[in-house]
C-alpha cells in the first residue's frame, strides 16, 4: 500500500476541495446525531477540525482506495497484485487508506463489542507501513473519523444482514476510540 501511495504521490490532480474527507465525515456526524455520547461528538468534531487543517496543508495527493482491506486486495506470492471494489477511489492523502486499513484490522467481530484497542497489534500495523512519528497524532484523528464513517454507513444500510449487531459494535468502537486515541 505504501508503495502505491509513494508512486502516485503528486501525480493525481485534486478534483475536490482540500478538506473533502473531513467535511464528508462532518455530514455523517450530523446523521449519527444523538446515538453517540456528547464526549464522542466533541472528540469527533475536534478530529474533523484537525484533519481539515491537515488536508489543507498537504498539497500533494496520491491514489486513495477508500475501502482498503485484505478482502479488497488480490495477492500473488505474498504480494498485493491488484485491488477490487474501487468505487470509492479518489485523489487523497495516504493516511486515509492507512487509517481505514488499521481500523478494519483492529475490529474483531468475534467479540460482542469493541472492548479495547490492542496496542501492540495497532503499533505493529503502523510500523509495517512505516508511518513517520510526526504523522502519528493525525492518523489517530483519521482513525476516529473512519470509525464514525462506518457507523453512519451501517446506520444508513437498512438491508444489511445483522445490522443491529454491526451498528452496536461500531457505536462501541466509536466511543472507545474517542476515549483511547
Protein backbone atom coordinates (compact mmCIF):
# COMPACT_ATOMS: atom_id res chain seq x y z
CA UNK A 1 0.00 0.00 0.00
CA UNK A 2 2.79 2.41 0.88
CA UNK A 3 4.46 1.72 -2.46
CA UNK A 4 1.22 2.60 -4.28
CA UNK A 5 0.90 5.81 -2.28
CA UNK A 6 4.50 6.83 -2.94
CA UNK A 7 4.31 6.04 -6.67
CA UNK A 8 1.18 8.14 -7.12
CA UNK A 9 2.11 10.98 -4.71
CA UNK A 10 1.73 14.31 -6.51
CA UNK A 11 0.67 12.67 -9.79
CA UNK A 12 -3.09 12.85 -9.28
CA UNK A 13 -4.82 16.20 -9.72
CA UNK A 14 -7.04 17.33 -6.90
CA UNK A 15 -10.65 17.24 -8.05
CA UNK A 16 -12.38 18.07 -4.78
CA UNK A 17 -11.82 20.61 -2.02
CA UNK A 18 -8.68 20.02 0.01
CA UNK A 19 -10.77 19.25 3.07
CA UNK A 20 -13.19 16.89 1.31
CA UNK A 21 -12.84 13.87 3.59
CA UNK A 22 -13.15 15.93 6.78
CA UNK A 23 -16.28 17.70 5.52
CA UNK A 24 -17.81 14.42 4.36
CA UNK A 25 -17.38 12.98 7.86
CA UNK A 26 -18.84 16.16 9.33
CA UNK A 27 -22.06 15.45 7.41
CA UNK A 28 -22.01 11.87 8.69
CA UNK A 29 -21.64 13.12 12.26
CA UNK A 30 -24.88 15.06 11.79
CA UNK A 31 -26.56 11.84 10.56
CA UNK A 32 -25.45 9.85 13.60
CA UNK A 33 -26.77 12.56 15.92
CA UNK A 34 -27.65 11.58 19.46
CA UNK A 35 -26.73 7.92 19.04
CA UNK A 36 -23.26 8.67 20.43
CA UNK A 37 -22.25 10.44 23.62
CA UNK A 38 -21.61 14.17 23.90
CA UNK A 39 -17.98 13.36 24.66
CA UNK A 40 -17.65 11.35 21.42
CA UNK A 41 -19.35 14.09 19.37
CA UNK A 42 -16.98 16.70 20.80
CA UNK A 43 -13.96 14.45 20.21
CA UNK A 44 -15.06 13.75 16.63
CA UNK A 45 -15.62 17.44 15.92
CA UNK A 46 -12.06 18.13 17.13
CA UNK A 47 -10.80 15.35 14.83
CA UNK A 48 -12.71 16.86 11.89
CA UNK A 49 -11.11 20.25 12.50
CA UNK A 50 -7.59 18.79 12.79
CA UNK A 51 -7.99 16.64 9.67
CA UNK A 52 -9.43 19.57 7.68
CA UNK A 53 -6.40 21.69 8.64
CA UNK A 54 -4.06 18.84 7.73
CA UNK A 55 -5.78 18.32 4.38
CA UNK A 56 -5.36 21.99 3.53
CA UNK A 57 -1.64 22.00 4.45
CA UNK A 58 -0.81 18.87 2.43
CA UNK A 59 -0.82 19.91 -1.21
CA UNK A 60 0.17 16.68 -3.00
CA UNK A 61 -2.41 13.95 -3.30
CA UNK A 62 -1.97 10.26 -4.05
CA UNK A 63 -4.24 7.40 -5.08
CA UNK A 64 -6.60 6.53 -2.21
CA UNK A 65 -8.67 3.36 -2.43
CA UNK A 66 -11.10 4.41 0.30
CA UNK A 67 -12.11 0.87 1.30
CA UNK A 68 -8.77 -0.87 1.57
CA UNK A 69 -8.62 -4.12 3.49
CA UNK A 70 -7.47 -7.66 2.67
CA UNK A 71 -10.87 -8.58 1.22
CA UNK A 72 -10.37 -5.94 -1.48
CA UNK A 73 -6.79 -6.94 -2.32
CA UNK A 74 -5.62 -9.53 -4.83
CA UNK A 75 -2.50 -11.37 -3.69
CA UNK A 76 0.06 -13.43 -5.57
CA UNK A 77 3.07 -14.96 -3.84
CA UNK A 78 2.52 -12.78 -0.77
CA UNK A 79 2.45 -9.53 -2.74
CA UNK A 80 -0.53 -7.31 -3.49
CA UNK A 81 -1.03 -7.50 -7.25
CA UNK A 82 -4.37 -5.81 -7.60
CA UNK A 83 -7.30 -4.08 -5.96
CA UNK A 84 -11.03 -4.62 -6.34
CA UNK A 85 -14.10 -2.68 -5.18
CA UNK A 86 -12.71 0.60 -6.46
CA UNK A 87 -15.90 2.68 -6.37
CA UNK A 88 -14.53 4.93 -3.56
CA UNK A 89 -11.14 5.57 -5.18
CA UNK A 90 -10.06 9.19 -5.42
CA UNK A 91 -7.20 11.61 -5.02
CA UNK A 92 -6.49 11.95 -1.32
CA UNK A 93 -3.93 11.57 1.42
CA UNK A 94 -2.11 8.37 2.26
CA UNK A 95 -3.25 8.48 5.89
CA UNK A 96 -6.84 7.95 4.75
CA UNK A 97 -6.09 4.46 3.45
CA UNK A 98 -3.78 3.62 6.35
CA UNK A 99 -6.38 4.67 8.94
CA UNK A 100 -9.11 2.66 7.24
CA UNK A 101 -6.92 -0.43 6.93
CA UNK A 102 -5.85 -0.24 10.57
CA UNK A 103 -9.44 0.37 11.72
CA UNK A 104 -10.50 -2.74 9.83
CA UNK A 105 -7.59 -4.71 11.30
CA UNK A 106 -8.33 -3.84 14.94
CA UNK A 107 -12.06 -4.50 14.58
CA UNK A 108 -12.81 -8.02 15.83
CA UNK A 109 -16.39 -9.15 15.32
CA UNK A 110 -15.73 -12.40 17.19
CA UNK A 111 -16.23 -10.38 20.38
CA UNK A 112 -19.69 -8.99 21.18
CA UNK A 113 -18.44 -5.40 21.40
CA UNK A 114 -15.25 -3.49 20.72
CA UNK A 115 -13.74 -3.66 24.19
CA UNK A 116 -10.17 -2.37 23.95
CA UNK A 117 -7.61 -1.35 21.41
CA UNK A 118 -4.87 -3.98 21.14
CA UNK A 119 -1.99 -1.51 21.37
CA UNK A 120 0.72 -3.97 20.30
CA UNK A 121 -1.22 -5.00 17.20
CA UNK A 122 -2.06 -1.36 16.46
CA UNK A 123 1.59 -0.30 16.72
CA UNK A 124 2.69 -3.25 14.58
CA UNK A 125 0.29 -2.16 11.81
CA UNK A 126 1.73 1.35 11.85
CA UNK A 127 5.30 0.06 11.88
CA UNK A 128 4.61 -2.24 8.93
CA UNK A 129 3.50 0.74 6.89
CA UNK A 130 6.45 2.82 8.04
CA UNK A 131 4.39 5.65 9.47
CA UNK A 132 6.55 8.61 10.37
CA UNK A 133 6.22 9.59 14.02
CA UNK A 134 5.24 13.16 13.09
CA UNK A 135 2.11 11.81 11.36
CA UNK A 136 1.05 9.67 14.30
CA UNK A 137 -1.33 12.09 16.02
CA UNK A 138 -3.13 12.95 12.79
CA UNK A 139 -3.50 9.24 11.98
CA UNK A 140 -5.34 8.87 15.31
CA UNK A 141 -7.76 11.56 14.11
CA UNK A 142 -8.33 9.74 10.82
CA UNK A 143 -8.99 6.51 12.76
CA UNK A 144 -11.66 8.23 14.85
CA UNK A 145 -13.27 9.67 11.71
CA UNK A 146 -13.30 6.40 9.80
CA UNK A 147 -14.86 4.64 12.76
CA UNK A 148 -17.69 7.18 12.71
CA UNK A 149 -17.85 6.92 8.92
CA UNK A 150 -18.58 3.20 9.16
CA UNK A 151 -21.11 3.74 11.95
CA UNK A 152 -23.06 6.07 9.66
CA UNK A 153 -22.68 3.59 6.79
CA UNK A 154 -24.18 0.84 8.96
CA UNK A 155 -27.00 3.16 10.09
CA UNK A 156 -27.86 4.04 6.51
CA UNK A 157 -27.90 0.46 5.17
CA UNK A 158 -31.24 -0.96 6.38
CA UNK A 159 -30.97 -4.09 4.23
CA UNK A 160 -27.68 -5.09 5.89
CA UNK A 161 -27.71 -8.54 7.44
CA UNK A 162 -27.29 -8.42 11.25
CA UNK A 163 -27.42 -4.64 11.02
CA UNK A 164 -28.23 -4.04 14.70
CA UNK A 165 -25.19 -6.09 15.75
CA UNK A 166 -22.88 -4.11 13.46
CA UNK A 167 -24.37 -0.75 14.48
CA UNK A 168 -23.93 -1.52 18.18
CA UNK A 169 -20.44 -2.89 17.68
CA UNK A 170 -19.37 0.16 15.67
CA UNK A 171 -21.01 2.54 18.14
CA UNK A 172 -18.96 0.90 20.90
CA UNK A 173 -15.83 1.23 18.78
CA UNK A 174 -16.51 4.93 18.23
CA UNK A 175 -16.93 5.52 21.95
CA UNK A 176 -13.84 3.50 22.95
CA UNK A 177 -11.56 5.02 20.33
CA UNK A 178 -12.72 8.51 21.24
CA UNK A 179 -11.56 7.78 24.78
CA UNK A 180 -8.38 5.97 23.76
CA UNK A 181 -6.93 7.97 20.86
